[in-house]
Amino acid sequence: MLFFRVYQYLGPVILLPLTYWLWWQRFEDHRLVFLILSIPIVTAYIVPGLGTNWLKLWDFQTRWKLGRFRPHHGLLFGSAASMFALICLAPPAEKIDLLEVLRAGFVLGSVLAFWNWLYDIYAVKSGFVRVYNRPYADRLGAEAIVTDYAPVYFGAFGFCFGVIIRLAELWFIQSVQTEPFWPFLIGCHLAATGLPVMAYVANSLARHGESGLRSYEGVSHET
């Protein structure tokens, strides 16, 4: 529990400026750095914000919260995800093609799926995060609870994120385009926010016959 309580504050303080600087060293374009960092930050405010306070699928056991949601969550996840992307996706040596775009999505999706799965297992085990999904209602352990959502959701998000990075490099660096930046940014945010949720819902329908958007808080006796 101590790790999660310290890391949630220390992580963004260290990683966010460091990640911004490292991406700027790579692109030398503040617009592209803003694009890369804003994708996971905005997603990590919208999806968990709705999931905690509206759907009540989970909550954080921490001192500073807006309802059931910690106000710094987007900065924490966004800085970490952007750093993983920087480490996993080196600048392409050749012109970016469709295979490279898909490869980047697969690599980053695999990495984010694994590390967020592992992180959330220990967060649930420690009691720092409580998740009220179907495996919770079935009285299963932390591994089953987290495996029900983390690999598919974070894997899908990582895939979208990796594809976005390569497309941004293809369009704005290799093709030396300046427009349309803002329509591109908006489209990327819509995809990164919506597609992983759709993947999670589809997976939940296939596994449980339900959308996975129902909270089982207080009804853990169900089977």
C-alpha atoms as a PDB file:
ATOM      1  CA  MET A   1       0.000   0.000   0.000  1.00  0.00           C
ATOM      2  CA  LEU A   2       2.864   2.404   0.803  1.00  0.00           C
ATOM      3  CA  PHE A   3       4.242   2.080  -2.737  1.00  0.00           C
ATOM      4  CA  PHE A   4       0.915   3.048  -4.308  1.00  0.00           C
ATOM      5  CA  ARG A   5       0.386   5.966  -1.928  1.00  0.00           C
ATOM      6  CA  VAL A   6       3.840   7.398  -2.675  1.00  0.00           C
ATOM      7  CA  TYR A   7       4.040   6.577  -6.395  1.00  0.00           C
ATOM      8  CA  GLN A   8       0.690   8.185  -7.216  1.00  0.00           C
ATOM      9  CA  TYR A   9       2.148  11.591  -6.315  1.00  0.00           C
ATOM     10  CA  LEU A  10       5.843  11.121  -6.985  1.00  0.00           C
ATOM     11  CA  GLY A  11       5.334   9.474 -10.381  1.00  0.00           C
ATOM     12  CA  PRO A  12       3.763  12.438 -12.207  1.00  0.00           C
ATOM     13  CA  VAL A  13       6.118  14.944 -10.565  1.00  0.00           C
ATOM     14  CA  ILE A  14       9.135  13.096 -11.970  1.00  0.00           C
ATOM     15  CA  LEU A  15       7.819  11.431 -15.108  1.00  0.00           C
ATOM     16  CA  LEU A  16       5.634  14.152 -16.616  1.00  0.00           C
ATOM     17  CA  PRO A  17       8.317  16.835 -17.155  1.00  0.00           C
ATOM     18  CA  LEU A  18      10.916  14.198 -17.998  1.00  0.00           C
ATOM     19  CA  THR A  19       8.669  12.553 -20.574  1.00  0.00           C
ATOM     20  CA  TYR A  20       7.759  15.895 -22.125  1.00  0.00           C
ATOM     21  CA  TRP A  21      11.419  16.837 -22.441  1.00  0.00           C
ATOM     22  CA  LEU A  22      12.410  13.480 -23.937  1.00  0.00           C
ATOM     23  CA  TRP A  23       9.622  13.577 -26.537  1.00  0.00           C
ATOM     24  CA  TRP A  24      10.560  17.156 -27.395  1.00  0.00           C
ATOM     25  CA  GLN A  25      14.159  16.037 -27.911  1.00  0.00           C
ATOM     26  CA  ARG A  26      12.827  13.509 -30.392  1.00  0.00           C
ATOM     27  CA  PHE A  27      10.339  15.677 -32.283  1.00  0.00           C
ATOM     28  CA  GLU A  28      11.427  19.274 -31.586  1.00  0.00           C
ATOM     29  CA  ASP A  29       7.771  20.118 -32.108  1.00  0.00           C
ATOM     30  CA  HIS A  30       5.633  21.045 -29.122  1.00  0.00           C
ATOM     31  CA  ARG A  31       2.429  20.234 -31.001  1.00  0.00           C
ATOM     32  CA  LEU A  32       3.451  16.616 -31.449  1.00  0.00           C
ATOM     33  CA  VAL A  33       4.618  16.344 -27.854  1.00  0.00           C
ATOM     34  CA  PHE A  34       1.248  17.712 -26.739  1.00  0.00           C
ATOM     35  CA  LEU A  35      -0.465  15.133 -28.947  1.00  0.00           C
ATOM     36  CA  ILE A  36       1.532  12.214 -27.521  1.00  0.00           C
ATOM     37  CA  LEU A  37       1.056  13.189 -23.869  1.00  0.00           C
ATOM     38  CA  SER A  38      -2.554  14.314 -24.162  1.00  0.00           C
ATOM     39  CA  ILE A  39      -3.812  10.996 -25.565  1.00  0.00           C
ATOM     40  CA  PRO A  40      -3.237   8.900 -22.397  1.00  0.00           C
ATOM     41  CA  ILE A  41      -3.828  11.818 -20.016  1.00  0.00           C
ATOM     42  CA  VAL A  42      -7.246  12.734 -21.405  1.00  0.00           C
ATOM     43  CA  THR A  43      -8.277   9.084 -21.747  1.00  0.00           C
ATOM     44  CA  ALA A  44      -7.260   8.408 -18.150  1.00  0.00           C
ATOM     45  CA  TYR A  45      -9.492  11.233 -16.963  1.00  0.00           C
ATOM     46  CA  ILE A  46     -12.555  10.408 -19.051  1.00  0.00           C
ATOM     47  CA  VAL A  47     -12.769   6.610 -18.765  1.00  0.00           C
ATOM     48  CA  PRO A  48     -11.844   6.136 -15.078  1.00  0.00           C
ATOM     49  CA  GLY A  49     -13.721   9.300 -14.146  1.00  0.00           C
ATOM     50  CA  LEU A  50     -16.948   7.913 -15.579  1.00  0.00           C
ATOM     51  CA  GLY A  51     -16.151   4.398 -14.374  1.00  0.00           C
ATOM     52  CA  THR A  52     -15.750   5.499 -10.763  1.00  0.00           C
ATOM     53  CA  ASN A  53     -18.244   8.298 -10.207  1.00  0.00           C
ATOM     54  CA  TRP A  54     -20.966   7.366 -12.699  1.00  0.00           C
ATOM     55  CA  LEU A  55     -20.857   3.601 -13.226  1.00  0.00           C
ATOM     56  CA  LYS A  56     -19.282   2.913  -9.816  1.00  0.00           C
ATOM     57  CA  LEU A  57     -17.245   0.060 -11.227  1.00  0.00           C
ATOM     58  CA  TRP A  58     -14.323   0.825  -8.944  1.00  0.00           C
ATOM     59  CA  ASP A  59     -12.909   3.346  -6.516  1.00  0.00           C
ATOM     60  CA  PHE A  60      -9.565   4.473  -5.156  1.00  0.00           C
ATOM     61  CA  GLN A  61      -8.674   4.204  -1.479  1.00  0.00           C
ATOM     62  CA  THR A  62      -6.691   7.403  -1.219  1.00  0.00           C
ATOM     63  CA  ARG A  63      -7.016  10.655   0.698  1.00  0.00           C
ATOM     64  CA  TRP A  64      -7.492  13.142  -2.144  1.00  0.00           C
ATOM     65  CA  LYS A  65     -10.508  12.246  -4.275  1.00  0.00           C
ATOM     66  CA  LEU A  66     -13.218  13.854  -6.360  1.00  0.00           C
ATOM     67  CA  GLY A  67     -16.034  11.554  -5.347  1.00  0.00           C
ATOM     68  CA  ARG A  68     -14.430   8.158  -5.920  1.00  0.00           C
ATOM     69  CA  PHE A  69     -11.813   9.384  -8.404  1.00  0.00           C
ATOM     70  CA  ARG A  70      -8.342  10.751  -7.650  1.00  0.00           C
ATOM     71  CA  PRO A  71      -7.780  14.094  -9.416  1.00  0.00           C
ATOM     72  CA  HIS A  72      -4.204  13.316 -10.461  1.00  0.00           C
ATOM     73  CA  HIS A  73      -4.985   9.949 -12.076  1.00  0.00           C
ATOM     74  CA  GLY A  74      -4.697  11.177 -15.661  1.00  0.00           C
ATOM     75  CA  LEU A  75      -1.285  12.722 -15.035  1.00  0.00           C
ATOM     76  CA  LEU A  76      -0.058   9.504 -13.415  1.00  0.00           C
ATOM     77  CA  PHE A  77      -1.226   7.135 -16.141  1.00  0.00           C
ATOM     78  CA  GLY A  78      -0.475   9.561 -18.952  1.00  0.00           C
ATOM     79  CA  SER A  79       3.125  10.182 -17.982  1.00  0.00           C
ATOM     80  CA  ALA A  80       3.815   6.470 -17.451  1.00  0.00           C
ATOM     81  CA  ALA A  81       2.136   5.387 -20.711  1.00  0.00           C
ATOM     82  CA  SER A  82       3.995   8.084 -22.662  1.00  0.00           C
ATOM     83  CA  MET A  83       7.298   6.957 -21.171  1.00  0.00           C
ATOM     84  CA  PHE A  84       6.579   3.331 -22.104  1.00  0.00           C
ATOM     85  CA  ALA A  85       5.781   4.500 -25.635  1.00  0.00           C
ATOM     86  CA  LEU A  86       9.048   6.397 -25.830  1.00  0.00           C
ATOM     87  CA  ILE A  87      11.019   3.345 -24.717  1.00  0.00           C
ATOM     88  CA  CYS A  88       9.171   0.830 -26.915  1.00  0.00           C
ATOM     89  CA  LEU A  89       8.866   2.806 -30.156  1.00  0.00           C
ATOM     90  CA  ALA A  90      12.211   4.032 -31.413  1.00  0.00           C
ATOM     91  CA  PRO A  91      12.242   6.486 -34.335  1.00  0.00           C
ATOM     92  CA  PRO A  92      11.677   4.430 -37.513  1.00  0.00           C
ATOM     93  CA  ALA A  93      14.808   3.844 -39.565  1.00  0.00           C
ATOM     94  CA  GLU A  94      12.858   3.667 -42.834  1.00  0.00           C
ATOM     95  CA  LYS A  95       9.707   5.162 -44.250  1.00  0.00           C
ATOM     96  CA  ILE A  96       6.698   4.131 -42.215  1.00  0.00           C
ATOM     97  CA  ASP A  97       4.359   1.663 -43.933  1.00  0.00           C
ATOM     98  CA  LEU A  98       1.235  -0.189 -42.857  1.00  0.00           C
ATOM     99  CA  LEU A  99       3.233  -3.071 -41.389  1.00  0.00           C
ATOM    100  CA  GLU A 100       5.233  -0.701 -39.194  1.00  0.00           C
ATOM    101  CA  VAL A 101       2.057   1.040 -38.022  1.00  0.00           C
ATOM    102  CA  LEU A 102       0.529  -2.295 -36.993  1.00  0.00           C
ATOM    103  CA  ARG A 103       3.784  -3.484 -35.438  1.00  0.00           C
ATOM    104  CA  ALA A 104       3.969  -0.360 -33.282  1.00  0.00           C
ATOM    105  CA  GLY A 105       0.405  -0.905 -32.137  1.00  0.00           C
ATOM    106  CA  PHE A 106       1.065  -4.543 -31.290  1.00  0.00           C
ATOM    107  CA  VAL A 107       4.272  -3.800 -29.373  1.00  0.00           C
ATOM    108  CA  LEU A 108       2.896  -0.960 -27.283  1.00  0.00           C
ATOM    109  CA  GLY A 109      -0.397  -2.768 -26.751  1.00  0.00           C
ATOM    110  CA  SER A 110       1.424  -5.828 -25.421  1.00  0.00           C
ATOM    111  CA  VAL A 111       3.613  -3.771 -23.099  1.00  0.00           C
ATOM    112  CA  LEU A 112       0.810  -1.654 -21.639  1.00  0.00           C
ATOM    113  CA  ALA A 113      -1.437  -4.699 -21.269  1.00  0.00           C
ATOM    114  CA  PHE A 114       1.180  -6.593 -19.267  1.00  0.00           C
ATOM    115  CA  TRP A 115       2.408  -3.824 -16.987  1.00  0.00           C
ATOM    116  CA  ASN A 116      -1.026  -2.422 -16.202  1.00  0.00           C
ATOM    117  CA  TRP A 117      -2.302  -5.957 -15.571  1.00  0.00           C
ATOM    118  CA  LEU A 118       0.553  -6.543 -13.117  1.00  0.00           C
ATOM    119  CA  TYR A 119       0.207  -3.118 -11.486  1.00  0.00           C
ATOM    120  CA  ASP A 120      -3.543  -3.484 -10.998  1.00  0.00           C
ATOM    121  CA  ILE A 121      -3.237  -6.974  -9.515  1.00  0.00           C
ATOM    122  CA  TYR A 122      -1.066  -5.650  -6.704  1.00  0.00           C
ATOM    123  CA  ALA A 123      -3.211  -2.519  -6.368  1.00  0.00           C
ATOM    124  CA  VAL A 124      -6.301  -4.694  -5.860  1.00  0.00           C
ATOM    125  CA  LYS A 125      -4.495  -7.102  -3.549  1.00  0.00           C
ATOM    126  CA  SER A 126      -3.292  -4.235  -1.360  1.00  0.00           C
ATOM    127  CA  GLY A 127      -6.773  -2.723  -1.185  1.00  0.00           C
ATOM    128  CA  PHE A 128      -5.629   0.506  -2.828  1.00  0.00           C
ATOM    129  CA  VAL A 129      -8.103  -0.031  -5.685  1.00  0.00           C
ATOM    130  CA  ARG A 130     -11.423  -1.810  -5.416  1.00  0.00           C
ATOM    131  CA  VAL A 131     -12.988  -3.196  -8.591  1.00  0.00           C
ATOM    132  CA  TYR A 132     -16.645  -4.267  -8.533  1.00  0.00           C
ATOM    133  CA  ASN A 133     -16.904  -6.399 -11.666  1.00  0.00           C
ATOM    134  CA  ARG A 134     -18.333  -9.877 -12.261  1.00  0.00           C
ATOM    135  CA  PRO A 135     -15.324 -11.808 -10.906  1.00  0.00           C
ATOM    136  CA  TYR A 136     -15.547  -9.674  -7.748  1.00  0.00           C
ATOM    137  CA  ALA A 137     -19.196 -10.677  -7.393  1.00  0.00           C
ATOM    138  CA  ASP A 138     -18.194 -14.310  -7.899  1.00  0.00           C
ATOM    139  CA  ARG A 139     -15.733 -13.970  -5.003  1.00  0.00           C
ATOM    140  CA  LEU A 140     -12.689 -14.617  -7.154  1.00  0.00           C
ATOM    141  CA  GLY A 141      -9.204 -13.331  -6.403  1.00  0.00           C
ATOM    142  CA  ALA A 142      -7.366 -10.231  -7.545  1.00  0.00           C
ATOM    143  CA  GLU A 143      -5.850 -12.033 -10.543  1.00  0.00           C
ATOM    144  CA  ALA A 144      -9.280 -12.977 -11.907  1.00  0.00           C
ATOM    145  CA  ILE A 145     -10.736  -9.537 -11.188  1.00  0.00           C
ATOM    146  CA  VAL A 146      -7.945  -7.704 -13.007  1.00  0.00           C
ATOM    147  CA  THR A 147      -7.605 -10.210 -15.852  1.00  0.00           C
ATOM    148  CA  ASP A 148     -11.284  -9.634 -16.649  1.00  0.00           C
ATOM    149  CA  TYR A 149     -10.548  -6.090 -17.883  1.00  0.00           C
ATOM    150  CA  ALA A 150      -6.859  -5.116 -17.885  1.00  0.00           C
ATOM    151  CA  PRO A 151      -5.374  -7.122 -20.789  1.00  0.00           C
ATOM    152  CA  VAL A 152      -8.140  -6.314 -23.258  1.00  0.00           C
ATOM    153  CA  TYR A 153      -8.653  -2.681 -22.270  1.00  0.00           C
ATOM    154  CA  PHE A 154      -5.026  -1.652 -21.863  1.00  0.00           C
ATOM    155  CA  GLY A 155      -3.977  -3.820 -24.783  1.00  0.00           C
ATOM    156  CA  ALA A 156      -6.522  -2.093 -27.029  1.00  0.00           C
ATOM    157  CA  PHE A 157      -5.539   1.332 -25.727  1.00  0.00           C
ATOM    158  CA  GLY A 158      -1.845   0.596 -26.253  1.00  0.00           C
ATOM    159  CA  PHE A 159      -2.555  -0.592 -29.788  1.00  0.00           C
ATOM    160  CA  CYS A 160      -4.425   2.642 -30.573  1.00  0.00           C
ATOM    161  CA  PHE A 161      -1.683   4.706 -28.944  1.00  0.00           C
ATOM    162  CA  GLY A 162       1.089   2.991 -30.907  1.00  0.00           C
ATOM    163  CA  VAL A 163      -0.793   3.419 -34.177  1.00  0.00           C
ATOM    164  CA  ILE A 164      -1.401   7.096 -33.412  1.00  0.00           C
ATOM    165  CA  ILE A 165       2.291   7.725 -32.741  1.00  0.00           C
ATOM    166  CA  ARG A 166       3.391   6.121 -36.007  1.00  0.00           C
ATOM    167  CA  LEU A 167       0.682   7.914 -37.998  1.00  0.00           C
ATOM    168  CA  ALA A 168       1.732  11.226 -36.447  1.00  0.00           C
ATOM    169  CA  GLU A 169       5.348  10.539 -37.390  1.00  0.00           C
ATOM    170  CA  LEU A 170       4.334   9.544 -40.907  1.00  0.00           C
ATOM    171  CA  TRP A 171       2.126  12.573 -41.514  1.00  0.00           C
ATOM    172  CA  PHE A 172       3.856  15.388 -39.667  1.00  0.00           C
ATOM    173  CA  ILE A 173       7.523  14.329 -39.852  1.00  0.00           C
ATOM    174  CA  GLN A 174       8.172  12.047 -42.804  1.00  0.00           C
ATOM    175  CA  SER A 175       5.573  13.715 -45.029  1.00  0.00           C
ATOM    176  CA  VAL A 176       6.354  17.167 -43.549  1.00  0.00           C
ATOM    177  CA  GLN A 177       2.699  18.190 -43.260  1.00  0.00           C
ATOM    178  CA  THR A 178       1.521  20.996 -40.991  1.00  0.00           C
ATOM    179  CA  GLU A 179      -2.225  20.556 -41.399  1.00  0.00           C
ATOM    180  CA  PRO A 180      -4.728  19.316 -40.427  1.00  0.00           C
ATOM    181  CA  PHE A 181      -3.255  18.986 -36.923  1.00  0.00           C
ATOM    182  CA  TRP A 182      -6.344  19.724 -34.833  1.00  0.00           C
ATOM    183  CA  PRO A 183      -8.737  17.443 -36.730  1.00  0.00           C
ATOM    184  CA  PHE A 184      -6.066  14.730 -36.473  1.00  0.00           C
ATOM    185  CA  LEU A 185      -5.757  15.330 -32.718  1.00  0.00           C
ATOM    186  CA  ILE A 186      -9.518  15.195 -32.174  1.00  0.00           C
ATOM    187  CA  GLY A 187      -9.854  12.017 -34.223  1.00  0.00           C
ATOM    188  CA  CYS A 188      -7.042  10.386 -32.264  1.00  0.00           C
ATOM    189  CA  HIS A 189      -8.683  11.264 -28.952  1.00  0.00           C
ATOM    190  CA  LEU A 190     -12.014   9.841 -30.059  1.00  0.00           C
ATOM    191  CA  ALA A 191     -10.358   6.602 -31.190  1.00  0.00           C
ATOM    192  CA  ALA A 192      -8.145   6.204 -28.107  1.00  0.00           C
ATOM    193  CA  THR A 193     -11.057   6.844 -25.762  1.00  0.00           C
ATOM    194  CA  GLY A 194     -13.810   4.902 -27.516  1.00  0.00           C
ATOM    195  CA  LEU A 195     -12.201   1.856 -29.157  1.00  0.00           C
ATOM    196  CA  PRO A 196     -10.672   0.324 -25.984  1.00  0.00           C
ATOM    197  CA  VAL A 197     -14.017   0.646 -24.188  1.00  0.00           C
ATOM    198  CA  MET A 198     -15.741  -1.040 -27.119  1.00  0.00           C
ATOM    199  CA  ALA A 199     -13.148  -3.843 -27.011  1.00  0.00           C
ATOM    200  CA  TYR A 200     -13.743  -4.298 -23.286  1.00  0.00           C
ATOM    201  CA  VAL A 201     -17.534  -4.415 -23.715  1.00  0.00           C
ATOM    202  CA  ALA A 202     -17.244  -6.909 -26.578  1.00  0.00           C
ATOM    203  CA  ASN A 203     -14.951  -9.109 -24.490  1.00  0.00           C
ATOM    204  CA  SER A 204     -17.303  -8.939 -21.518  1.00  0.00           C
ATOM    205  CA  LEU A 205     -20.291  -9.853 -23.677  1.00  0.00           C
ATOM    206  CA  ALA A 206     -18.406 -12.852 -25.033  1.00  0.00           C
ATOM    207  CA  ARG A 207     -17.257 -14.028 -21.596  1.00  0.00           C
ATOM    208  CA  HIS A 208     -20.197 -13.175 -19.330  1.00  0.00           C
ATOM    209  CA  GLY A 209     -23.111 -12.333 -21.598  1.00  0.00           C
ATOM    210  CA  GLU A 210     -23.237  -8.789 -20.216  1.00  0.00           C
ATOM    211  CA  SER A 211     -21.619  -5.470 -21.081  1.00  0.00           C
ATOM    212  CA  GLY A 212     -19.308  -5.299 -18.084  1.00  0.00           C
ATOM    213  CA  LEU A 213     -20.653  -1.835 -17.242  1.00  0.00           C
ATOM    214  CA  ARG A 214     -22.723  -3.015 -14.280  1.00  0.00           C
ATOM    215  CA  SER A 215     -21.324  -2.439 -10.811  1.00  0.00           C
ATOM    216  CA  TYR A 216     -21.464  -5.341  -8.366  1.00  0.00           C
ATOM    217  CA  GLU A 217     -20.601  -3.207  -5.391  1.00  0.00           C
ATOM    218  CA  GLY A 218     -22.388  -4.555  -2.330  1.00  0.00           C
ATOM    219  CA  VAL A 219     -23.610  -7.710  -4.059  1.00  0.00           C
ATOM    220  CA  SER A 220     -20.525  -9.927  -3.816  1.00  0.00           C
ATOM    221  CA  HIS A 221     -22.768 -12.823  -2.733  1.00  0.00           C
ATOM    222  CA  GLU A 222     -23.956 -13.257  -6.339  1.00  0.00           C
ATOM    223  CA  THR A 223     -22.636 -16.176  -8.395  1.00  0.00           C
END
